[in-house]
């Protein structure tokens, strides 16, 4: 494997980057999400077990099935491409 840095990006409806996630790491029972908002402001967001369970309750069966297949789908075109 190369030395390429991996990062996850979250986009708005217009294809602009809202958040670049650089790392996901554990801190006790919490998940810490490190990255930048708008590619400028560093952030360390914390996801607690309670909030993770609340997020799961937001999902319906159709969305769960979509999430399972998401990893195997081709990349979407971003705005401006």
PDB file of N, CA and C in Angstrom:
ATOM      1  N   UNK A   1       0.830  -1.183   0.000  1.00  0.00           N
ATOM      2  CA  UNK A   1       0.000   0.000   0.000  1.00  0.00           C
ATOM      3  C   UNK A   1       0.875   1.246   0.000  1.00  0.00           C
ATOM      4  N   UNK A   2       0.368   2.282  -0.654  1.00  0.00           N
ATOM      5  CA  UNK A   2       1.118   3.532  -0.741  1.00  0.00           C
ATOM      6  C   UNK A   2       1.005   4.345   0.528  1.00  0.00           C
ATOM      7  N   UNK A   3       1.582   5.520   0.478  1.00  0.00           N
ATOM      8  CA  UNK A   3       1.581   6.418   1.618  1.00  0.00           C
ATOM      9  C   UNK A   3       0.468   7.457   1.479  1.00  0.00           C
ATOM     10  N   UNK A   4      -0.516   7.158   0.625  1.00  0.00           N
ATOM     11  CA  UNK A   4      -1.600   8.104   0.348  1.00  0.00           C
ATOM     12  C   UNK A   4      -2.467   8.311   1.580  1.00  0.00           C
ATOM     13  N   UNK A   5      -2.727   9.572   1.901  1.00  0.00           N
ATOM     14  CA  UNK A   5      -3.610   9.900   3.027  1.00  0.00           C
ATOM     15  C   UNK A   5      -5.049   9.688   2.611  1.00  0.00           C
ATOM     16  N   UNK A   6      -5.810   9.055   3.473  1.00  0.00           N
ATOM     17  CA  UNK A   6      -7.215   8.828   3.214  1.00  0.00           C
ATOM     18  C   UNK A   6      -8.024   9.845   3.995  1.00  0.00           C
ATOM     19  N   UNK A   7      -9.017  10.387   3.347  1.00  0.00           N
ATOM     20  CA  UNK A   7      -9.924  11.297   4.047  1.00  0.00           C
ATOM     21  C   UNK A   7     -11.312  11.129   3.465  1.00  0.00           C
ATOM     22  N   UNK A   8     -12.292  11.317   4.316  1.00  0.00           N
ATOM     23  CA  UNK A   8     -13.688  11.239   3.904  1.00  0.00           C
ATOM     24  C   UNK A   8     -14.210  12.664   3.819  1.00  0.00           C
ATOM     25  N   UNK A   9     -14.955  12.950   2.767  1.00  0.00           N
ATOM     26  CA  UNK A   9     -15.534  14.284   2.620  1.00  0.00           C
ATOM     27  C   UNK A   9     -17.046  14.184   2.689  1.00  0.00           C
ATOM     28  N   UNK A  10     -17.653  15.186   3.285  1.00  0.00           N
ATOM     29  CA  UNK A  10     -19.104  15.310   3.360  1.00  0.00           C
ATOM     30  C   UNK A  10     -19.472  16.577   2.604  1.00  0.00           C
ATOM     31  N   UNK A  11     -20.395  16.433   1.636  1.00  0.00           N
ATOM     32  CA  UNK A  11     -20.733  17.529   0.725  1.00  0.00           C
ATOM     33  C   UNK A  11     -22.128  18.079   0.997  1.00  0.00           C
ATOM     34  N   UNK A  12     -22.341  19.341   0.594  1.00  0.00           N
ATOM     35  CA  UNK A  12     -23.681  19.919   0.650  1.00  0.00           C
ATOM     36  C   UNK A  12     -24.423  19.582  -0.649  1.00  0.00           C
ATOM     37  N   UNK A  13     -25.626  20.081  -0.813  1.00  0.00           N
ATOM     38  CA  UNK A  13     -26.452  19.762  -1.979  1.00  0.00           C
ATOM     39  C   UNK A  13     -25.855  20.291  -3.284  1.00  0.00           C
ATOM     40  N   UNK A  14     -24.931  21.253  -3.195  1.00  0.00           N
ATOM     41  CA  UNK A  14     -24.318  21.837  -4.385  1.00  0.00           C
ATOM     42  C   UNK A  14     -22.953  21.233  -4.691  1.00  0.00           C
ATOM     43  N   UNK A  15     -22.547  20.233  -3.926  1.00  0.00           N
ATOM     44  CA  UNK A  15     -21.262  19.576  -4.159  1.00  0.00           C
ATOM     45  C   UNK A  15     -20.084  20.257  -3.498  1.00  0.00           C
ATOM     46  N   UNK A  16     -20.345  21.250  -2.673  1.00  0.00           N
ATOM     47  CA  UNK A  16     -19.263  21.932  -1.958  1.00  0.00           C
ATOM     48  C   UNK A  16     -18.917  21.138  -0.690  1.00  0.00           C
ATOM     49  N   UNK A  17     -17.640  21.110  -0.338  1.00  0.00           N
ATOM     50  CA  UNK A  17     -17.200  20.355   0.826  1.00  0.00           C
ATOM     51  C   UNK A  17     -17.629  21.054   2.108  1.00  0.00           C
ATOM     52  N   UNK A  18     -18.397  20.345   2.930  1.00  0.00           N
ATOM     53  CA  UNK A  18     -18.775  20.854   4.251  1.00  0.00           C
ATOM     54  C   UNK A  18     -17.738  20.447   5.290  1.00  0.00           C
ATOM     55  N   UNK A  19     -17.301  19.186   5.207  1.00  0.00           N
ATOM     56  CA  UNK A  19     -16.371  18.674   6.211  1.00  0.00           C
ATOM     57  C   UNK A  19     -15.445  17.647   5.580  1.00  0.00           C
ATOM     58  N   UNK A  20     -14.174  17.729   5.934  1.00  0.00           N
ATOM     59  CA  UNK A  20     -13.190  16.721   5.562  1.00  0.00           C
ATOM     60  C   UNK A  20     -12.808  15.984   6.835  1.00  0.00           C
ATOM     61  N   UNK A  21     -13.067  14.690   6.868  1.00  0.00           N
ATOM     62  CA  UNK A  21     -12.741  13.874   8.042  1.00  0.00           C
ATOM     63  C   UNK A  21     -11.369  13.252   7.808  1.00  0.00           C
ATOM     64  N   UNK A  22     -10.431  13.548   8.697  1.00  0.00           N
ATOM     65  CA  UNK A  22      -9.058  13.047   8.583  1.00  0.00           C
ATOM     66  C   UNK A  22      -8.840  11.761   9.371  1.00  0.00           C
ATOM     67  N   UNK A  23      -9.497  11.672  10.555  1.00  0.00           N
ATOM     68  CA  UNK A  23      -9.291  10.503  11.422  1.00  0.00           C
ATOM     69  C   UNK A  23     -10.544  10.200  12.208  1.00  0.00           C
ATOM     70  N   UNK A  24     -10.738   8.916  12.467  1.00  0.00           N
ATOM     71  CA  UNK A  24     -11.739   8.430  13.405  1.00  0.00           C
ATOM     72  C   UNK A  24     -10.960   7.677  14.470  1.00  0.00           C
ATOM     73  N   UNK A  25     -11.154   8.046  15.724  1.00  0.00           N
ATOM     74  CA  UNK A  25     -10.399   7.382  16.790  1.00  0.00           C
ATOM     75  C   UNK A  25     -11.261   7.197  18.022  1.00  0.00           C
ATOM     76  N   UNK A  26     -10.904   6.213  18.797  1.00  0.00           N
ATOM     77  CA  UNK A  26     -11.639   5.899  20.017  1.00  0.00           C
ATOM     78  C   UNK A  26     -11.065   6.687  21.190  1.00  0.00           C
ATOM     79  N   UNK A  27     -11.966   7.171  22.028  1.00  0.00           N
ATOM     80  CA  UNK A  27     -11.581   7.808  23.286  1.00  0.00           C
ATOM     81  C   UNK A  27     -12.534   7.265  24.340  1.00  0.00           C
ATOM     82  N   UNK A  28     -12.112   6.227  25.044  1.00  0.00           N
ATOM     83  CA  UNK A  28     -12.994   5.557  25.994  1.00  0.00           C
ATOM     84  C   UNK A  28     -14.125   4.894  25.233  1.00  0.00           C
ATOM     85  N   UNK A  29     -15.362   5.229  25.578  1.00  0.00           N
ATOM     86  CA  UNK A  29     -16.528   4.681  24.883  1.00  0.00           C
ATOM     87  C   UNK A  29     -17.029   5.585  23.764  1.00  0.00           C
ATOM     88  N   UNK A  30     -16.351   6.681  23.494  1.00  0.00           N
ATOM     89  CA  UNK A  30     -16.772   7.638  22.472  1.00  0.00           C
ATOM     90  C   UNK A  30     -15.946   7.474  21.199  1.00  0.00           C
ATOM     91  N   UNK A  31     -16.528   7.907  20.083  1.00  0.00           N
ATOM     92  CA  UNK A  31     -15.815   7.979  18.815  1.00  0.00           C
ATOM     93  C   UNK A  31     -15.503   9.444  18.561  1.00  0.00           C
ATOM     94  N   UNK A  32     -14.235   9.764  18.343  1.00  0.00           N
ATOM     95  CA  UNK A  32     -13.821  11.140  18.063  1.00  0.00           C
ATOM     96  C   UNK A  32     -13.567  11.251  16.561  1.00  0.00           C
ATOM     97  N   UNK A  33     -14.203  12.232  15.947  1.00  0.00           N
ATOM     98  CA  UNK A  33     -14.087  12.473  14.515  1.00  0.00           C
ATOM     99  C   UNK A  33     -13.255  13.743  14.353  1.00  0.00           C
ATOM    100  N   UNK A  34     -12.071  13.609  13.761  1.00  0.00           N
ATOM    101  CA  UNK A  34     -11.169  14.759  13.591  1.00  0.00           C
ATOM    102  C   UNK A  34     -11.107  15.154  12.125  1.00  0.00           C
ATOM    103  N   UNK A  35     -11.187  16.444  11.885  1.00  0.00           N
ATOM    104  CA  UNK A  35     -11.127  16.944  10.524  1.00  0.00           C
ATOM    105  C   UNK A  35     -11.236  18.443  10.474  1.00  0.00           C
ATOM    106  N   UNK A  36     -11.745  18.937   9.342  1.00  0.00           N
ATOM    107  CA  UNK A  36     -11.913  20.376   9.155  1.00  0.00           C
ATOM    108  C   UNK A  36     -13.290  20.648   8.576  1.00  0.00           C
ATOM    109  N   UNK A  37     -13.896  21.725   9.036  1.00  0.00           N
ATOM    110  CA  UNK A  37     -15.161  22.192   8.490  1.00  0.00           C
ATOM    111  C   UNK A  37     -14.841  23.275   7.469  1.00  0.00           C
ATOM    112  N   UNK A  38     -15.476  23.184   6.298  1.00  0.00           N
ATOM    113  CA  UNK A  38     -15.250  24.127   5.194  1.00  0.00           C
ATOM    114  C   UNK A  38     -13.770  24.197   4.814  1.00  0.00           C
ATOM    115  N   UNK A  39     -13.045  23.090   5.004  1.00  0.00           N
ATOM    116  CA  UNK A  39     -11.608  22.999   4.703  1.00  0.00           C
ATOM    117  C   UNK A  39     -10.794  24.091   5.382  1.00  0.00           C
ATOM    118  N   UNK A  40     -11.281  24.646   6.481  1.00  0.00           N
ATOM    119  CA  UNK A  40     -10.574  25.738   7.142  1.00  0.00           C
ATOM    120  C   UNK A  40     -10.494  25.567   8.663  1.00  0.00           C
ATOM    121  N   UNK A  41     -11.611  25.275   9.302  1.00  0.00           N
ATOM    122  CA  UNK A  41     -11.658  25.271  10.763  1.00  0.00           C
ATOM    123  C   UNK A  41     -11.518  23.851  11.311  1.00  0.00           C
ATOM    124  N   UNK A  42     -10.421  23.568  12.039  1.00  0.00           N
ATOM    125  CA  UNK A  42     -10.252  22.233  12.613  1.00  0.00           C
ATOM    126  C   UNK A  42     -11.362  21.920  13.621  1.00  0.00           C
ATOM    127  N   UNK A  43     -11.734  20.647  13.685  1.00  0.00           N
ATOM    128  CA  UNK A  43     -12.786  20.222  14.598  1.00  0.00           C
ATOM    129  C   UNK A  43     -12.474  18.832  15.122  1.00  0.00           C
ATOM    130  N   UNK A  44     -12.869  18.609  16.363  1.00  0.00           N
ATOM    131  CA  UNK A  44     -12.827  17.276  16.966  1.00  0.00           C
ATOM    132  C   UNK A  44     -14.233  17.028  17.504  1.00  0.00           C
ATOM    133  N   UNK A  45     -15.044  16.338  16.718  1.00  0.00           N
ATOM    134  CA  UNK A  45     -16.428  16.044  17.110  1.00  0.00           C
ATOM    135  C   UNK A  45     -16.453  14.719  17.866  1.00  0.00           C
ATOM    136  N   UNK A  46     -17.343  14.617  18.820  1.00  0.00           N
ATOM    137  CA  UNK A  46     -17.427  13.432  19.670  1.00  0.00           C
ATOM    138  C   UNK A  46     -18.802  12.792  19.507  1.00  0.00           C
ATOM    139  N   UNK A  47     -18.807  11.471  19.236  1.00  0.00           N
ATOM    140  CA  UNK A  47     -20.045  10.705  19.125  1.00  0.00           C
ATOM    141  C   UNK A  47     -20.108   9.750  20.308  1.00  0.00           C
ATOM    142  N   UNK A  48     -21.113   9.940  21.155  1.00  0.00           N
ATOM    143  CA  UNK A  48     -21.275   9.101  22.346  1.00  0.00           C
ATOM    144  C   UNK A  48     -22.118   7.879  21.999  1.00  0.00           C
ATOM    145  N   UNK A  49     -22.063   6.836  22.823  1.00  0.00           N
ATOM    146  CA  UNK A  49     -22.909   5.665  22.575  1.00  0.00           C
ATOM    147  C   UNK A  49     -24.397   6.019  22.506  1.00  0.00           C
ATOM    148  N   UNK A  50     -24.849   6.925  23.361  1.00  0.00           N
ATOM    149  CA  UNK A  50     -26.259   7.330  23.346  1.00  0.00           C
ATOM    150  C   UNK A  50     -26.636   7.973  22.019  1.00  0.00           C
ATOM    151  N   UNK A  51     -25.753   8.845  21.515  1.00  0.00           N
ATOM    152  CA  UNK A  51     -26.026   9.522  20.248  1.00  0.00           C
ATOM    153  C   UNK A  51     -25.940   8.562  19.068  1.00  0.00           C
ATOM    154  N   UNK A  52     -25.056   7.573  19.138  1.00  0.00           N
ATOM    155  CA  UNK A  52     -24.974   6.565  18.074  1.00  0.00           C
ATOM    156  C   UNK A  52     -26.266   5.753  18.027  1.00  0.00           C
ATOM    157  N   UNK A  53     -26.797   5.396  19.193  1.00  0.00           N
ATOM    158  CA  UNK A  53     -28.070   4.668  19.231  1.00  0.00           C
ATOM    159  C   UNK A  53     -29.208   5.543  18.697  1.00  0.00           C
ATOM    160  N   UNK A  54     -29.187   6.832  19.021  1.00  0.00           N
ATOM    161  CA  UNK A  54     -30.206   7.752  18.511  1.00  0.00           C
ATOM    162  C   UNK A  54     -30.121   7.846  16.987  1.00  0.00           C
ATOM    163  N   UNK A  55     -28.911   7.856  16.440  1.00  0.00           N
ATOM    164  CA  UNK A  55     -28.740   7.911  14.986  1.00  0.00           C
ATOM    165  C   UNK A  55     -29.328   6.665  14.328  1.00  0.00           C
ATOM    166  N   UNK A  56     -29.137   5.518  14.932  1.00  0.00           N
ATOM    167  CA  UNK A  56     -29.692   4.278  14.373  1.00  0.00           C
ATOM    168  C   UNK A  56     -31.217   4.311  14.352  1.00  0.00           C
ATOM    169  N   UNK A  57     -31.812   4.958  15.343  1.00  0.00           N
ATOM    170  CA  UNK A  57     -33.272   5.059  15.385  1.00  0.00           C
ATOM    171  C   UNK A  57     -33.827   5.971  14.283  1.00  0.00           C
ATOM    172  N   UNK A  58     -32.965   6.802  13.688  1.00  0.00           N
ATOM    173  CA  UNK A  58     -33.390   7.671  12.587  1.00  0.00           C
ATOM    174  C   UNK A  58     -33.506   6.915  11.263  1.00  0.00           C
ATOM    175  N   UNK A  59     -32.937   5.724  11.197  1.00  0.00           N
ATOM    176  CA  UNK A  59     -32.897   4.963   9.944  1.00  0.00           C
ATOM    177  C   UNK A  59     -34.121   4.084   9.782  1.00  0.00           C
ATOM    178  N   UNK A  60     -34.650   4.049   8.562  1.00  0.00           N
ATOM    179  CA  UNK A  60     -35.700   3.084   8.241  1.00  0.00           C
ATOM    180  C   UNK A  60     -35.061   1.939   7.452  1.00  0.00           C
ATOM    181  N   UNK A  61     -35.820   0.894   7.160  1.00  0.00           N
ATOM    182  CA  UNK A  61     -35.280  -0.292   6.489  1.00  0.00           C
ATOM    183  C   UNK A  61     -34.699   0.049   5.125  1.00  0.00           C
ATOM    184  N   UNK A  62     -35.375   0.906   4.369  1.00  0.00           N
ATOM    185  CA  UNK A  62     -34.895   1.279   3.040  1.00  0.00           C
ATOM    186  C   UNK A  62     -33.523   1.960   3.118  1.00  0.00           C
ATOM    187  N   UNK A  63     -33.332   2.832   4.092  1.00  0.00           N
ATOM    188  CA  UNK A  63     -32.054   3.536   4.248  1.00  0.00           C
ATOM    189  C   UNK A  63     -30.972   2.587   4.745  1.00  0.00           C
ATOM    190  N   UNK A  64     -31.312   1.657   5.622  1.00  0.00           N
ATOM    191  CA  UNK A  64     -30.337   0.660   6.092  1.00  0.00           C
ATOM    192  C   UNK A  64     -29.839  -0.173   4.915  1.00  0.00           C
ATOM    193  N   UNK A  65     -30.749  -0.616   4.064  1.00  0.00           N
ATOM    194  CA  UNK A  65     -30.348  -1.394   2.886  1.00  0.00           C
ATOM    195  C   UNK A  65     -29.469  -0.564   1.953  1.00  0.00           C
ATOM    196  N   UNK A  66     -29.804   0.712   1.786  1.00  0.00           N
ATOM    197  CA  UNK A  66     -28.971   1.598   0.961  1.00  0.00           C
ATOM    198  C   UNK A  66     -27.563   1.713   1.545  1.00  0.00           C
ATOM    199  N   UNK A  67     -27.450   1.899   2.863  1.00  0.00           N
ATOM    200  CA  UNK A  67     -26.138   2.030   3.494  1.00  0.00           C
ATOM    201  C   UNK A  67     -25.288   0.780   3.314  1.00  0.00           C
ATOM    202  N   UNK A  68     -25.918  -0.379   3.374  1.00  0.00           N
ATOM    203  CA  UNK A  68     -25.182  -1.634   3.189  1.00  0.00           C
ATOM    204  C   UNK A  68     -24.596  -1.700   1.780  1.00  0.00           C
ATOM    205  N   UNK A  69     -25.360  -1.249   0.776  1.00  0.00           N
ATOM    206  CA  UNK A  69     -24.896  -1.323  -0.611  1.00  0.00           C
ATOM    207  C   UNK A  69     -24.040  -0.126  -1.023  1.00  0.00           C
ATOM    208  N   UNK A  70     -23.994   0.917  -0.224  1.00  0.00           N
ATOM    209  CA  UNK A  70     -23.275   2.150  -0.567  1.00  0.00           C
ATOM    210  C   UNK A  70     -21.800   1.895  -0.872  1.00  0.00           C
ATOM    211  N   UNK A  71     -21.160   1.025  -0.115  1.00  0.00           N
ATOM    212  CA  UNK A  71     -19.738   0.747  -0.306  1.00  0.00           C
ATOM    213  C   UNK A  71     -19.437   0.123  -1.661  1.00  0.00           C
ATOM    214  N   UNK A  72     -20.423  -0.493  -2.276  1.00  0.00           N
ATOM    215  CA  UNK A  72     -20.215  -1.202  -3.532  1.00  0.00           C
ATOM    216  C   UNK A  72     -20.707  -0.424  -4.744  1.00  0.00           C
ATOM    217  N   UNK A  73     -21.183   0.780  -4.548  1.00  0.00           N
ATOM    218  CA  UNK A  73     -21.704   1.599  -5.643  1.00  0.00           C
ATOM    219  C   UNK A  73     -20.578   2.432  -6.257  1.00  0.00           C
ATOM    220  N   UNK A  74     -20.719   2.790  -7.550  1.00  0.00           N
ATOM    221  CA  UNK A  74     -19.703   3.647  -8.171  1.00  0.00           C
ATOM    222  C   UNK A  74     -19.762   5.060  -7.602  1.00  0.00           C
ATOM    223  N   UNK A  75     -18.659   5.777  -7.731  1.00  0.00           N
ATOM    224  CA  UNK A  75     -18.589   7.154  -7.240  1.00  0.00           C
ATOM    225  C   UNK A  75     -19.542   8.043  -8.012  1.00  0.00           C
ATOM    226  N   UNK A  76     -20.131   9.024  -7.317  1.00  0.00           N
ATOM    227  CA  UNK A  76     -21.017  10.001  -7.959  1.00  0.00           C
ATOM    228  C   UNK A  76     -20.197  11.144  -8.496  1.00  0.00           C
ATOM    229  N   UNK A  77     -20.704  11.794  -9.519  1.00  0.00           N
ATOM    230  CA  UNK A  77     -20.069  13.013 -10.022  1.00  0.00           C
ATOM    231  C   UNK A  77     -20.360  14.148  -9.062  1.00  0.00           C
ATOM    232  N   UNK A  78     -19.343  14.956  -8.754  1.00  0.00           N
ATOM    233  CA  UNK A  78     -19.537  16.121  -7.891  1.00  0.00           C
ATOM    234  C   UNK A  78     -19.899  17.322  -8.743  1.00  0.00           C
ATOM    235  N   UNK A  79     -20.485  18.324  -8.130  1.00  0.00           N
ATOM    236  CA  UNK A  79     -20.847  19.558  -8.846  1.00  0.00           C
ATOM    237  C   UNK A  79     -19.586  20.180  -9.445  1.00  0.00           C
ATOM    238  N   UNK A  80     -19.701  20.657 -10.658  1.00  0.00           N
ATOM    239  CA  UNK A  80     -18.568  21.317 -11.314  1.00  0.00           C
ATOM    240  C   UNK A  80     -17.688  20.368 -12.104  1.00  0.00           C
ATOM    241  N   UNK A  81     -18.005  19.069 -12.141  1.00  0.00           N
ATOM    242  CA  UNK A  81     -17.186  18.120 -12.907  1.00  0.00           C
ATOM    243  C   UNK A  81     -17.786  17.860 -14.249  1.00  0.00           C
TER     244      UNK A  81
END
